Protein backbone atom coordinates (compact mmCIF):
# COMPACT_ATOMS: atom_id res chain seq x y z
CA MET A 1 0.01 0.05 0.06
CA ASN A 2 1.04 3.35 -0.46
CA ALA A 3 3.31 5.51 2.02
CA ASN A 4 -0.04 8.15 2.35
CA PRO A 5 -2.60 6.13 1.11
CA ARG A 6 -6.26 7.42 0.20
CA ILE A 7 -8.15 5.37 2.39
CA LYS A 8 -12.50 5.47 1.20
CA GLU A 9 -14.13 6.20 5.11
CA ALA A 10 -16.72 4.28 6.49
CA ALA A 11 -20.37 5.32 5.83
CA VAL A 12 -22.51 3.28 7.89
CA SER A 13 -20.63 2.40 10.61
CA GLY A 14 -22.21 3.15 14.17
CA LEU A 15 -25.48 2.96 12.06
CA PHE A 16 -25.56 -0.74 10.16
CA TYR A 17 -23.16 -2.32 11.83
CA PRO A 18 -20.91 -1.23 15.27
CA ASN A 19 -18.30 1.63 14.76
CA ASN A 20 -15.76 -0.10 17.20
CA SER A 21 -13.33 -2.65 16.97
CA PHE A 22 -14.14 -3.71 20.92
CA GLU A 23 -18.06 -4.82 19.79
CA LEU A 24 -17.17 -5.79 16.43
CA HIS A 25 -15.08 -8.35 17.78
CA SER A 26 -17.08 -9.99 20.40
CA MET A 27 -20.06 -9.94 18.00
CA PHE A 28 -18.64 -12.10 15.44
CA ASP A 29 -16.59 -13.86 18.11
CA GLN A 30 -19.76 -15.42 19.02
CA TRP A 31 -21.38 -16.18 15.33
CA PHE A 32 -17.79 -17.75 13.80
CA VAL A 33 -17.39 -19.94 17.22
CA ASN A 34 -15.93 -22.91 15.83
CA PRO A 35 -13.01 -21.58 13.80
CA VAL A 36 -11.57 -23.52 11.13
CA ASP A 37 -8.02 -25.34 10.38
CA SER A 38 -6.73 -23.93 7.10
CA SER A 39 -5.59 -27.71 6.73
CA ALA A 40 -8.69 -29.04 6.55
CA VAL A 41 -9.62 -25.93 3.85
CA GLU A 42 -9.73 -28.01 0.84
CA GLU A 43 -12.13 -26.06 -1.31
CA PRO A 44 -13.83 -22.50 0.53
CA PRO A 45 -17.08 -22.06 -1.71
CA ARG A 46 -16.06 -19.49 -4.49
CA ALA A 47 -18.99 -17.23 -4.62
CA LEU A 48 -21.19 -15.81 -1.80
CA ILE A 49 -25.05 -14.44 -1.99
CA LEU A 50 -25.57 -12.34 1.07
CA PRO A 51 -27.89 -9.98 3.12
CA HIS A 52 -26.90 -6.28 3.52
CA ALA A 53 -29.03 -5.06 6.13
CA GLY A 54 -27.95 -3.98 9.57
CA TYR A 55 -26.01 -5.95 11.59
CA VAL A 56 -29.18 -6.71 14.28
CA TYR A 57 -31.62 -7.95 10.87
CA SER A 58 -29.27 -9.76 8.67
CA GLY A 59 -25.90 -10.55 10.18
CA LYS A 60 -26.68 -13.84 11.78
CA THR A 61 -27.72 -14.74 8.08
CA ALA A 62 -24.12 -13.51 6.41
CA ALA A 63 -22.03 -15.04 9.37
CA LYS A 64 -23.41 -18.26 8.01
CA GLY A 65 -22.11 -17.72 4.43
CA TYR A 66 -18.83 -16.08 5.64
CA ALA A 67 -18.14 -18.87 7.87
CA LEU A 68 -17.32 -21.36 4.98
CA TRP A 69 -14.29 -19.44 4.03
CA GLN A 70 -12.45 -19.54 8.00
CA GLY A 71 -9.02 -20.85 7.62
CA ALA A 72 -9.09 -20.24 3.74
CA ALA A 73 -6.75 -16.98 3.93
CA ASP A 74 -3.98 -19.34 1.68
CA LYS A 75 -6.47 -19.52 -1.13
CA ILE A 76 -8.50 -16.60 -0.83
CA LYS A 77 -6.39 -13.87 -2.29
CA THR A 78 -9.17 -10.94 -3.72
CA VAL A 79 -12.99 -10.51 -2.74
CA VAL A 80 -15.03 -9.21 -5.14
CA VAL A 81 -18.50 -7.50 -3.31
CA MET A 82 -20.69 -6.65 -5.72
CA GLY A 83 -23.96 -5.09 -4.60
CA PRO A 84 -27.05 -2.32 -6.12
CA ALA A 85 -26.84 1.26 -5.71
CA HIS A 86 -29.64 2.94 -3.79
CA ARG A 87 -28.84 6.22 -3.26
CA VAL A 88 -27.08 7.53 -6.57
CA GLY A 89 -28.78 6.80 -9.78
CA PHE A 90 -25.83 6.24 -12.99
CA GLN A 91 -24.86 3.68 -15.65
CA GLY A 92 -23.53 0.34 -15.70
CA ILE A 93 -21.08 -0.35 -12.71
CA THR A 94 -18.81 1.62 -10.87
CA THR A 95 -15.70 1.00 -8.59
CA VAL A 96 -13.65 3.62 -6.71
CA ASP A 97 -10.05 4.99 -7.20
CA PHE A 98 -8.97 4.26 -3.75
CA ASP A 99 -6.63 2.53 -2.33
CA ALA A 100 -8.45 0.63 0.79
CA VAL A 101 -11.58 0.68 2.37
CA GLU A 102 -11.97 1.97 6.08
CA THR A 103 -13.41 -1.00 8.48
CA PRO A 104 -13.28 -0.63 12.87
CA LEU A 105 -10.63 -3.49 12.21
CA GLY A 106 -8.69 -1.65 10.05
CA ALA A 107 -8.67 -0.91 5.75
CA LEU A 108 -8.67 -3.67 3.56
CA GLN A 109 -6.51 -2.69 0.80
CA ILE A 110 -7.68 -2.69 -2.50
CA ASP A 111 -6.87 -5.00 -5.77
CA ALA A 112 -5.87 -1.93 -7.90
CA LYS A 113 -4.24 -4.11 -10.59
CA LEU A 114 -7.48 -5.93 -11.10
CA ARG A 115 -9.90 -3.11 -10.99
CA ASP A 116 -7.61 -1.33 -13.49
CA SER A 117 -7.36 -4.17 -15.48
CA LEU A 118 -11.56 -4.18 -15.81
CA LEU A 119 -11.74 -0.06 -16.19
CA ALA A 120 -9.44 -0.39 -19.58
CA GLU A 121 -11.40 -3.71 -20.78
CA PHE A 122 -15.29 -3.00 -20.12
CA PRO A 123 -16.81 0.58 -20.82
CA GLN A 124 -19.83 -0.51 -18.61
CA VAL A 125 -17.00 -0.42 -15.88
CA GLU A 126 -16.25 3.80 -14.47
CA ILE A 127 -14.45 5.14 -11.27
CA SER A 128 -17.19 6.92 -9.32
CA ASN A 129 -16.17 7.77 -5.72
CA TYR A 130 -19.72 9.06 -5.61
CA ALA A 131 -21.58 6.94 -6.25
CA GLN A 132 -19.83 4.23 -3.26
CA GLN A 133 -19.62 7.32 -0.87
CA LEU A 134 -22.45 6.84 1.31
CA GLU A 135 -23.96 2.98 -0.15
CA HIS A 136 -24.36 0.51 2.50
CA SER A 137 -24.75 -2.29 0.62
CA LEU A 138 -21.10 -3.17 -0.11
CA GLU A 139 -19.99 -1.79 3.24
CA VAL A 140 -21.54 -3.36 5.29
CA HIS A 141 -19.45 -6.76 4.27
CA PHE A 142 -16.21 -5.17 4.88
CA PRO A 143 -15.87 -5.65 8.18
CA PHE A 144 -16.63 -9.52 7.72
CA ILE A 145 -13.59 -10.01 4.98
CA LYS A 146 -11.63 -7.80 7.09
CA TYR A 147 -12.06 -10.37 10.54
CA LEU A 148 -11.87 -13.47 8.76
CA LEU A 149 -9.31 -12.80 5.75
CA PRO A 150 -7.19 -9.42 6.99
CA ASP A 151 -4.64 -9.29 4.74
CA VAL A 152 -7.25 -10.09 1.80
CA LYS A 153 -7.75 -7.56 -0.91
CA VAL A 154 -11.21 -6.25 -1.72
CA LEU A 155 -12.37 -5.44 -4.87
CA PRO A 156 -16.09 -3.31 -4.69
CA LEU A 157 -18.25 -3.06 -7.87
CA LEU A 158 -21.69 -1.51 -7.66
CA ASN A 159 -24.70 -1.92 -10.20
CA GLY A 160 -26.40 0.99 -11.64
CA SER A 161 -28.78 0.38 -14.78
CA VAL A 162 -26.85 -2.04 -16.44
CA GLN A 163 -28.13 -5.49 -18.30
CA PRO A 164 -27.19 -8.89 -17.35
CA ALA A 165 -24.92 -9.18 -19.63
CA GLU A 166 -22.88 -6.83 -18.61
CA VAL A 167 -22.88 -8.23 -15.87
CA ALA A 168 -22.13 -11.53 -16.52
CA ALA A 169 -19.04 -10.69 -19.15
CA VAL A 170 -17.03 -8.85 -16.17
CA LEU A 171 -17.97 -11.49 -13.54
CA ARG A 172 -17.32 -13.76 -16.16
CA THR A 173 -13.46 -12.70 -16.56
CA LEU A 174 -12.46 -12.03 -12.60
CA TRP A 175 -14.23 -15.77 -12.68
CA GLN A 176 -10.96 -16.96 -14.47
CA GLN A 177 -8.66 -15.40 -11.91
CA GLU A 178 -7.01 -17.62 -9.69
CA GLY A 179 -7.59 -16.62 -6.18
CA VAL A 180 -10.61 -14.11 -6.44
CA TYR A 181 -13.86 -15.00 -4.45
CA PHE A 182 -16.67 -13.01 -4.77
CA VAL A 183 -19.50 -11.78 -2.25
CA ILE A 184 -22.90 -11.15 -4.26
CA SER A 185 -24.95 -9.05 -1.65
CA SER A 186 -28.36 -8.60 -1.91
CA ASP A 187 -31.67 -8.62 0.33
CA LEU A 188 -34.77 -10.14 -1.11
CA SER A 189 -38.29 -8.44 -1.59
CA HIS A 190 -38.90 -5.33 1.00
CA PHE A 191 -41.85 -3.92 2.86
CA HIS A 192 -45.23 -6.95 2.77
CA PHE A 193 -46.63 -8.40 5.42
CA TYR A 194 -44.75 -11.30 6.74
CA GLU A 195 -46.72 -14.26 5.62
CA GLU A 196 -46.85 -12.73 2.23
CA ALA A 197 -42.87 -12.19 2.35
CA GLN A 198 -42.39 -15.63 2.83
CA HIS A 199 -44.45 -16.58 0.12
CA ILE A 200 -42.41 -13.85 -2.44
CA ASP A 201 -38.92 -15.14 -1.14
CA GLN A 202 -39.77 -18.73 -1.11
CA GLN A 203 -40.95 -18.81 -5.08
CA THR A 204 -36.99 -16.56 -5.56
CA ALA A 205 -35.33 -18.73 -3.20
CA GLU A 206 -36.12 -21.40 -6.46
CA MET A 207 -35.52 -19.33 -8.62
CA VAL A 208 -32.14 -18.87 -7.31
CA ASN A 209 -31.67 -22.78 -6.87
CA HIS A 210 -32.14 -23.92 -10.32
CA GLY A 211 -30.61 -21.06 -12.30
CA GLN A 212 -33.32 -18.89 -13.52
CA TRP A 213 -31.69 -16.03 -13.46
CA GLN A 214 -34.08 -14.74 -15.85
CA GLU A 215 -37.05 -14.58 -13.21
CA LEU A 216 -35.24 -12.42 -11.12
CA ASN A 217 -36.43 -9.07 -10.58
CA GLY A 218 -36.03 -5.64 -8.53
CA GLU A 219 -39.23 -6.83 -6.72
CA ARG A 220 -37.26 -9.64 -5.59
CA ALA A 221 -34.23 -9.07 -4.59
CA CYS A 222 -32.57 -5.39 -4.54
CA GLY A 223 -29.21 -6.93 -5.80
CA TYR A 224 -30.90 -8.83 -8.43
CA LYS A 225 -28.58 -8.03 -10.94
CA GLY A 226 -25.57 -9.12 -9.42
CA ILE A 227 -27.35 -12.61 -8.72
CA GLN A 228 -28.20 -12.48 -12.38
CA GLY A 229 -24.61 -11.96 -13.59
CA LEU A 230 -23.61 -14.79 -11.08
CA LEU A 231 -25.84 -17.20 -12.52
CA GLU A 232 -25.31 -16.80 -16.12
CA LEU A 233 -21.74 -17.70 -15.31
CA LYS A 234 -23.30 -21.48 -14.60
CA ASN A 235 -23.35 -22.38 -18.91
CA ASP A 236 -19.65 -22.10 -19.17
CA ASN A 237 -18.52 -22.56 -15.36
CA PRO A 238 -20.40 -25.59 -13.53
CA PHE A 239 -21.31 -24.90 -9.87
CA LYS A 240 -23.61 -26.05 -7.48
CA ILE A 241 -26.13 -24.02 -5.36
CA GLN A 242 -26.67 -24.53 -1.97
CA MET A 243 -29.23 -21.98 0.10
CA LEU A 244 -28.22 -21.84 3.92
CA GLU A 245 -31.04 -19.94 4.96
CA LEU A 246 -34.04 -17.99 4.38
CA ILE A 247 -35.75 -15.84 7.02
CA ASN A 248 -37.20 -12.09 7.09
CA SER A 249 -36.63 -9.09 9.68
CA GLY A 250 -39.75 -10.08 11.36
CA ASP A 251 -37.75 -13.53 12.64
CA THR A 252 -34.71 -11.12 13.95
CA ALA A 253 -35.49 -7.56 15.12
CA GLY A 254 -38.36 -6.49 12.86
CA ASP A 255 -41.62 -6.30 13.51
CA LYS A 256 -43.91 -8.55 11.39
CA SER A 257 -46.00 -5.84 9.44
CA ARG A 258 -43.15 -4.49 6.85
CA VAL A 259 -40.44 -7.20 6.46
CA VAL A 260 -37.34 -7.52 4.60
CA GLY A 261 -36.58 -11.07 3.41
CA TYR A 262 -32.34 -12.22 3.94
CA GLY A 263 -31.05 -15.57 2.41
CA ALA A 264 -28.25 -16.52 2.12
CA TRP A 265 -26.81 -19.01 -0.36
CA VAL A 266 -23.03 -20.11 -1.31
CA ILE A 267 -22.21 -21.36 -4.69
CA SER A 268 -19.22 -24.32 -4.94
CA GLU A 269 -17.60 -25.50 -8.20
CA GLU A 270 -17.77 -28.70 -9.49
CA ARG A 271 -14.04 -29.72 -10.39
CA PRO A 272 -13.95 -32.98 -13.14
């Protein structure tokens, strides 16, 4: 990292997750109670589809996916975190030109080489620090990553108005890179009554489970474009999709009259 690195400040620390290292360590120590010996981890899942709400709502669900990356620091070199834009409208996919991103557990270095290769190859990928300045869909994942993989690099990619094929093209290139793993950030349905949300989210889960990416939309999953792009790779890169959990905010810290759905999936490569 540069002698005087440019670090993107955290925007939702203290809102979506604790803003000090002691509280975060305490929380993560409870969620990751059974550390995995790195020698026992043969093939960590190549990609995780995880929620991005406040930790009191969906943190434990996200942890179920991240738990499968415990002990994999020797295999995971860069984590691409892709999520949907909530605050700023734009075309394409944005990344940032910072050297690192801030977390209460310390900074995570950005994989500048990988970022610059995407900027050179794909016209749909551009720099926009502004688009990511206040965005939570990527940031909430950084503390998890720093806790489990302290020396890993990250590449934040934020989806705006973009076609599934454009997302898939970027992910397809990244998929070929050894040591590059993925977090696709998405919540599920928003603001339905509890039982209605359960019904909608179960339908969405079946679509994801069976790789039916064409049927996804923003009403089912706010990060659907990232999910679509990932699932479209299945034709060329055989992988197994496993759902770990499907809940909503009515099951955690919210009332049941206006809930948000959360799911956790892992994507594992199928080796010949």
